[in-house]
Protein backbone atom coordinates (compact mmCIF):
# COMPACT_ATOMS: atom_id res chain seq x y z
CA UNK A 1 0.00 0.00 0.00
CA UNK A 2 1.32 3.43 -0.93
CA UNK A 3 1.53 5.93 1.91
CA UNK A 4 0.88 9.50 0.85
CA UNK A 5 2.91 12.30 2.44
CA UNK A 6 0.30 14.82 3.51
CA UNK A 7 2.74 17.31 4.97
CA UNK A 8 2.62 20.76 3.47
CA UNK A 9 5.85 21.40 1.59
CA UNK A 10 7.88 24.46 2.46
CA UNK A 11 7.07 27.42 0.28
CA UNK A 12 10.05 28.19 -1.90
CA UNK A 13 11.46 31.68 -1.71
CA UNK A 14 9.75 34.02 -4.14
CA UNK A 15 11.66 35.43 -7.05
CA UNK A 16 12.47 39.10 -6.54
CA UNK A 17 10.56 41.66 -8.66
CA UNK A 18 12.18 42.57 -11.93
CA UNK A 19 12.58 46.30 -11.29
CA UNK A 20 14.84 47.98 -8.74
CA UNK A 21 11.94 49.90 -7.24
CA UNK A 22 9.96 46.69 -6.94
CA UNK A 23 12.83 44.92 -5.19
CA UNK A 24 13.27 47.78 -2.72
CA UNK A 25 9.55 47.79 -1.96
CA UNK A 26 9.61 44.01 -1.51
CA UNK A 27 12.51 44.20 0.95
CA UNK A 28 10.94 47.13 2.84
CA UNK A 29 7.57 45.44 3.31
CA UNK A 30 9.16 42.17 4.43
CA UNK A 31 11.53 43.99 6.80
CA UNK A 32 8.61 45.83 8.43
CA UNK A 33 6.80 42.52 8.81
CA UNK A 34 9.79 40.98 10.58
CA UNK A 35 10.13 44.07 12.79
CA UNK A 36 6.46 43.71 13.72
CA UNK A 37 7.07 40.10 14.72
CA UNK A 38 9.89 41.23 17.03
CA UNK A 39 7.67 43.90 18.61
CA UNK A 40 4.94 41.33 19.17
CA UNK A 41 7.41 39.08 20.98
CA UNK A 42 8.48 41.96 23.19
CA UNK A 43 4.86 42.77 24.08
CA UNK A 44 4.53 39.21 25.34
CA UNK A 45 7.63 39.71 27.54
CA UNK A 46 7.09 42.98 29.44
CA UNK A 47 9.98 42.17 31.76
CA UNK A 48 12.41 42.66 28.88
CA UNK A 49 10.95 46.09 28.15
CA UNK A 50 11.19 46.97 31.85
CA UNK A 51 14.86 46.03 31.75
CA UNK A 52 15.45 48.53 28.94
CA UNK A 53 13.88 51.24 31.10
CA UNK A 54 15.44 50.37 34.48
CA UNK A 55 19.00 49.99 33.21
CA UNK A 56 19.44 53.75 32.53
CA UNK A 57 18.51 54.64 36.10
CA UNK A 58 21.04 52.17 37.53
CA UNK A 59 23.83 53.38 35.25
CA UNK A 60 23.13 57.04 35.92
CA UNK A 61 23.11 56.64 39.70
CA UNK A 62 26.11 54.27 39.77
CA UNK A 63 28.46 56.36 37.66
CA UNK A 64 27.09 59.80 38.39
CA UNK A 65 27.01 59.59 42.17
CA UNK A 66 29.13 56.63 43.28
CA UNK A 67 32.08 57.17 40.94
CA UNK A 68 31.48 60.79 40.04
CA UNK A 69 32.09 62.08 43.53
CA UNK A 70 35.74 60.95 43.31
CA UNK A 71 36.58 62.18 39.79
CA UNK A 72 37.74 65.66 38.84
CA UNK A 73 38.16 66.86 35.27
CA UNK A 74 41.61 68.28 34.40
CA UNK A 75 40.13 71.34 32.72
CA UNK A 76 37.33 71.80 35.21
CA UNK A 77 33.62 71.47 34.56
CA UNK A 78 30.80 69.36 35.92
CA UNK A 79 31.63 65.64 35.81
CA UNK A 80 28.03 64.51 35.35
CA UNK A 81 27.71 66.62 32.21
CA UNK A 82 30.97 65.04 31.07
CA UNK A 83 29.69 61.57 31.97
CA UNK A 84 26.29 61.37 30.32
CA UNK A 85 27.50 61.25 26.67
CA UNK A 86 29.80 58.39 27.70
CA UNK A 87 26.91 56.43 29.17
CA UNK A 88 24.84 57.15 26.05
CA UNK A 89 27.63 55.68 23.93
CA UNK A 90 27.98 52.60 26.13
CA UNK A 91 24.27 51.83 25.87
CA UNK A 92 24.34 52.05 22.08
CA UNK A 93 27.56 50.03 21.82
CA UNK A 94 26.11 47.24 23.98
CA UNK A 95 23.23 46.94 21.51
CA UNK A 96 25.51 44.41 19.83
CA UNK A 97 25.16 42.07 22.81
CA UNK A 98 21.36 42.03 22.73
CA UNK A 99 21.28 41.53 18.96
CA UNK A 100 23.81 38.69 19.03
CA UNK A 101 21.87 36.91 21.78
CA UNK A 102 18.51 37.28 20.05
CA UNK A 103 19.80 36.10 16.67
CA UNK A 104 21.58 33.12 18.24
CA UNK A 105 18.39 32.10 20.05
CA UNK A 106 16.42 32.33 16.80
CA UNK A 107 19.04 30.14 15.13
CA UNK A 108 18.95 27.57 17.92
CA UNK A 109 15.14 27.37 17.78
CA UNK A 110 15.12 26.95 13.99
CA UNK A 111 13.27 30.21 13.42
CA UNK A 112 15.86 31.43 10.92
CA UNK A 113 15.42 28.22 8.91
CA UNK A 114 11.66 28.76 8.82
CA UNK A 115 12.15 32.33 7.64
CA UNK A 116 14.38 31.13 4.82
CA UNK A 117 11.65 28.72 3.71
CA UNK A 118 9.17 31.57 3.29
CA UNK A 119 8.74 33.73 0.18
CA UNK A 120 10.42 36.78 1.69
CA UNK A 121 13.46 38.81 0.75
CA UNK A 122 16.65 37.27 2.09
CA UNK A 123 17.96 40.55 3.52
CA UNK A 124 14.60 41.51 5.07
CA UNK A 125 14.90 39.16 8.06
CA UNK A 126 18.07 40.72 9.37
CA UNK A 127 17.07 44.26 8.35
CA UNK A 128 13.72 43.97 10.11
CA UNK A 129 15.29 42.65 13.28
CA UNK A 130 17.94 45.37 13.23
CA UNK A 131 15.28 48.09 12.97
CA UNK A 132 13.33 46.57 15.88
CA UNK A 133 16.50 46.28 17.98
CA UNK A 134 17.43 49.88 17.22
CA UNK A 135 14.00 51.14 18.24
CA UNK A 136 14.28 49.42 21.63
CA UNK A 137 17.72 50.90 22.26
CA UNK A 138 16.46 54.32 21.22
CA UNK A 139 13.83 53.87 23.91
CA UNK A 140 16.63 53.14 26.38
CA UNK A 141 18.55 56.17 25.14
CA UNK A 142 15.52 58.42 25.60
CA UNK A 143 14.92 57.00 29.06
CA UNK A 144 18.55 57.60 29.98
CA UNK A 145 18.42 61.19 28.72
CA UNK A 146 15.39 61.83 30.92
CA UNK A 147 17.18 60.25 33.88
CA UNK A 148 20.22 62.37 33.18
CA UNK A 149 18.15 65.54 33.25
CA UNK A 150 16.09 64.62 36.32
CA UNK A 151 18.65 62.71 38.41
CA UNK A 152 22.13 63.80 37.36
CA UNK A 153 21.38 67.38 36.34
CA UNK A 154 22.68 66.82 32.79
CA UNK A 155 21.85 69.51 30.26
CA UNK A 156 22.60 69.75 26.54
CA UNK A 157 23.94 73.26 25.94
CA UNK A 158 24.04 73.11 22.16
CA UNK A 159 21.32 74.32 19.82
CA UNK A 160 18.28 72.08 19.29
CA UNK A 161 19.68 71.07 15.90
CA UNK A 162 23.06 70.20 17.41
CA UNK A 163 21.38 68.19 20.18
CA UNK A 164 19.32 66.29 17.61
CA UNK A 165 22.48 65.65 15.57
CA UNK A 166 24.21 64.29 18.69
CA UNK A 167 21.47 61.77 19.30
CA UNK A 168 21.44 60.97 15.57
CA UNK A 169 25.14 60.06 15.64
CA UNK A 170 24.57 57.87 18.70
CA UNK A 171 21.72 56.11 16.89
CA UNK A 172 23.85 55.57 13.77
CA UNK A 173 26.67 54.07 15.82
CA UNK A 174 24.21 51.88 17.71
CA UNK A 175 22.74 50.62 14.43
CA UNK A 176 26.22 49.74 13.19
CA UNK A 177 26.93 47.81 16.40
CA UNK A 178 23.64 45.92 16.01
CA UNK A 179 24.97 44.50 12.73
CA UNK A 180 28.20 43.47 14.45
CA UNK A 181 26.12 41.56 17.01
CA UNK A 182 23.92 40.07 14.29
CA UNK A 183 26.95 38.69 12.49
CA UNK A 184 28.32 37.14 15.68
CA UNK A 185 24.93 35.67 16.58
CA UNK A 186 24.83 33.76 13.29
CA UNK A 187 27.99 31.84 14.24
CA UNK A 188 27.46 30.75 17.84
CA UNK A 189 25.27 27.91 19.14
CA UNK A 190 23.02 29.67 21.64
CA UNK A 191 22.29 32.91 23.45
CA UNK A 192 24.78 32.23 26.26
CA UNK A 193 27.63 31.82 23.80
CA UNK A 194 26.51 34.94 21.93
CA UNK A 195 26.58 36.94 25.14
CA UNK A 196 30.07 35.72 25.96
CA UNK A 197 31.33 36.31 22.41
CA UNK A 198 30.23 39.96 22.42
CA UNK A 199 30.16 41.23 26.01
CA UNK A 200 33.58 39.75 26.81
CA UNK A 201 35.42 42.14 24.48
CA UNK A 202 32.89 44.92 23.96
CA UNK A 203 32.38 45.94 27.58
CA UNK A 204 36.12 46.50 28.22
CA UNK A 205 36.30 48.48 24.97
CA UNK A 206 33.75 50.95 26.32
CA UNK A 207 36.09 51.63 29.24
CA UNK A 208 39.21 51.84 27.03
CA UNK A 209 37.83 55.12 25.73
CA UNK A 210 37.09 58.59 27.01
CA UNK A 211 33.60 57.64 28.16
CA UNK A 212 34.10 57.82 31.92
CA UNK A 213 37.52 59.34 32.59
CA UNK A 214 39.80 61.69 30.61
CA UNK A 215 42.51 60.04 28.53
CA UNK A 216 45.31 62.24 29.82
CA UNK A 217 46.07 59.83 32.67
CA UNK A 218 46.56 56.75 30.49
CA UNK A 219 50.05 55.26 29.98
CA UNK A 220 51.79 56.40 26.81
CA UNK A 221 51.50 53.01 25.10
CA UNK A 222 47.76 52.79 25.81
CA UNK A 223 46.80 56.34 24.84
CA UNK A 224 46.90 55.82 21.02
CA UNK A 225 44.63 52.77 21.33
CA UNK A 226 42.08 54.78 23.28
CA UNK A 227 42.42 57.76 20.91
CA UNK A 228 41.65 55.60 17.87
CA UNK A 229 38.94 53.58 19.59
CA UNK A 230 35.76 54.36 17.59
CA UNK A 231 33.89 54.75 20.87
CA UNK A 232 36.12 57.66 21.88
CA UNK A 233 35.14 59.48 18.70
CA UNK A 234 31.44 58.84 19.35
CA UNK A 235 31.69 60.21 22.90
CA UNK A 236 33.69 63.26 21.79
CA UNK A 237 31.20 63.97 19.00
CA UNK A 238 28.28 63.76 21.44
CA UNK A 239 30.01 66.06 23.93
CA UNK A 240 30.81 68.55 21.19
CA UNK A 241 27.25 68.64 19.86
CA UNK A 242 25.66 68.66 23.32
CA UNK A 243 28.02 71.42 24.48
CA UNK A 244 29.28 69.30 27.39
CA UNK A 245 32.83 69.31 28.85
CA UNK A 246 35.38 67.28 26.91
CA UNK A 247 38.96 66.06 27.05
CA UNK A 248 42.06 67.40 25.36
CA UNK A 249 42.23 66.15 21.76
CA UNK A 250 45.64 64.92 20.64
CA UNK A 251 44.67 62.63 17.73
CA UNK A 252 42.81 63.25 14.47
CA UNK A 253 39.63 61.30 15.44
CA UNK A 254 39.22 63.39 18.61
CA UNK A 255 39.97 66.67 16.86
CA UNK A 256 37.31 65.88 14.22
CA UNK A 257 34.96 63.62 16.19
CA UNK A 258 31.80 64.14 14.12
CA UNK A 259 33.52 63.19 10.85
CA UNK A 260 35.33 60.32 12.58
CA UNK A 261 32.08 58.95 14.02
CA UNK A 262 30.39 59.05 10.62
CA UNK A 263 33.38 57.31 9.02
CA UNK A 264 33.62 54.60 11.70
CA UNK A 265 29.87 53.91 11.67
CA UNK A 266 29.59 53.73 7.88
CA UNK A 267 32.71 51.54 7.69
CA UNK A 268 31.29 49.10 10.24
CA UNK A 269 28.01 48.95 8.30
CA UNK A 270 29.81 48.50 4.98
CA UNK A 271 31.74 45.54 6.39
CA UNK A 272 29.21 43.76 8.60
CA UNK A 273 25.95 44.14 6.68
CA UNK A 274 27.20 42.13 3.65
CA UNK A 275 28.97 39.64 5.92
CA UNK A 276 25.85 39.07 8.01
CA UNK A 277 23.58 38.69 4.98
CA UNK A 278 25.98 36.21 3.37
CA UNK A 279 26.27 34.24 6.59
CA UNK A 280 22.48 34.22 6.98
CA UNK A 281 22.10 32.57 3.58
CA UNK A 282 24.29 29.63 4.53
CA UNK A 283 23.83 29.28 8.31
CA UNK A 284 21.84 26.35 9.65
CA UNK A 285 20.26 25.65 13.00
CA UNK A 286 22.48 23.94 15.55
């Protein structure tokens, strides 16, 4: 007796539209659909959203009051105004950790494989997730800015346009770091490994910068590393645009921090977006 296989076969990926405009529209719609799926998952886990909102308060109090009382700036100025752009940068840099963990968990559960079996644009899955991740970290950034104003007494002294540009640069850098995390998450076996593979080197990098203390006190051999750390440029650009106290600038990235931040962010995106998309096409569930 012949046994019929009644399982529904996987839908093969749809062929992309013939025109460039059609392909862009196809990718955009699919990316928004994937972003909506991520938002729906977050709504079902309110504790994760609460974590995004509580973290800024802890960081502001810890660094602003516990550490800040013992730190004096070489050129004078209020330390908490000096500090807040550094905390903003750290939050956006650590977006890579959350993205790597989420992507690795999707891989381990086979969700990525199911996405690849659907008639959706190949790049839309990662693009949609990156947009959703960025929106959550922008929520954290906004929450931290409010905490800085209410708790630490932080004030942006630049024009409204300069302040908006400062937050825009932070968002761009955060988006670039999300793609770094996405690429790492496609290689590891689970969320725990993703966390270790990103946090283990990224967190120290945020301290090997001018985020929390001036660079003048670093040893001579370590100073160039900190000067050319992309995170130092991001912090210096934010301080410049917010009109907050800064450190002495000895290297090109810190003398031109806005240009350096744009260059670093676009370079990271140019490298890791194609790498992540290529890895996504060949990666399989563990």
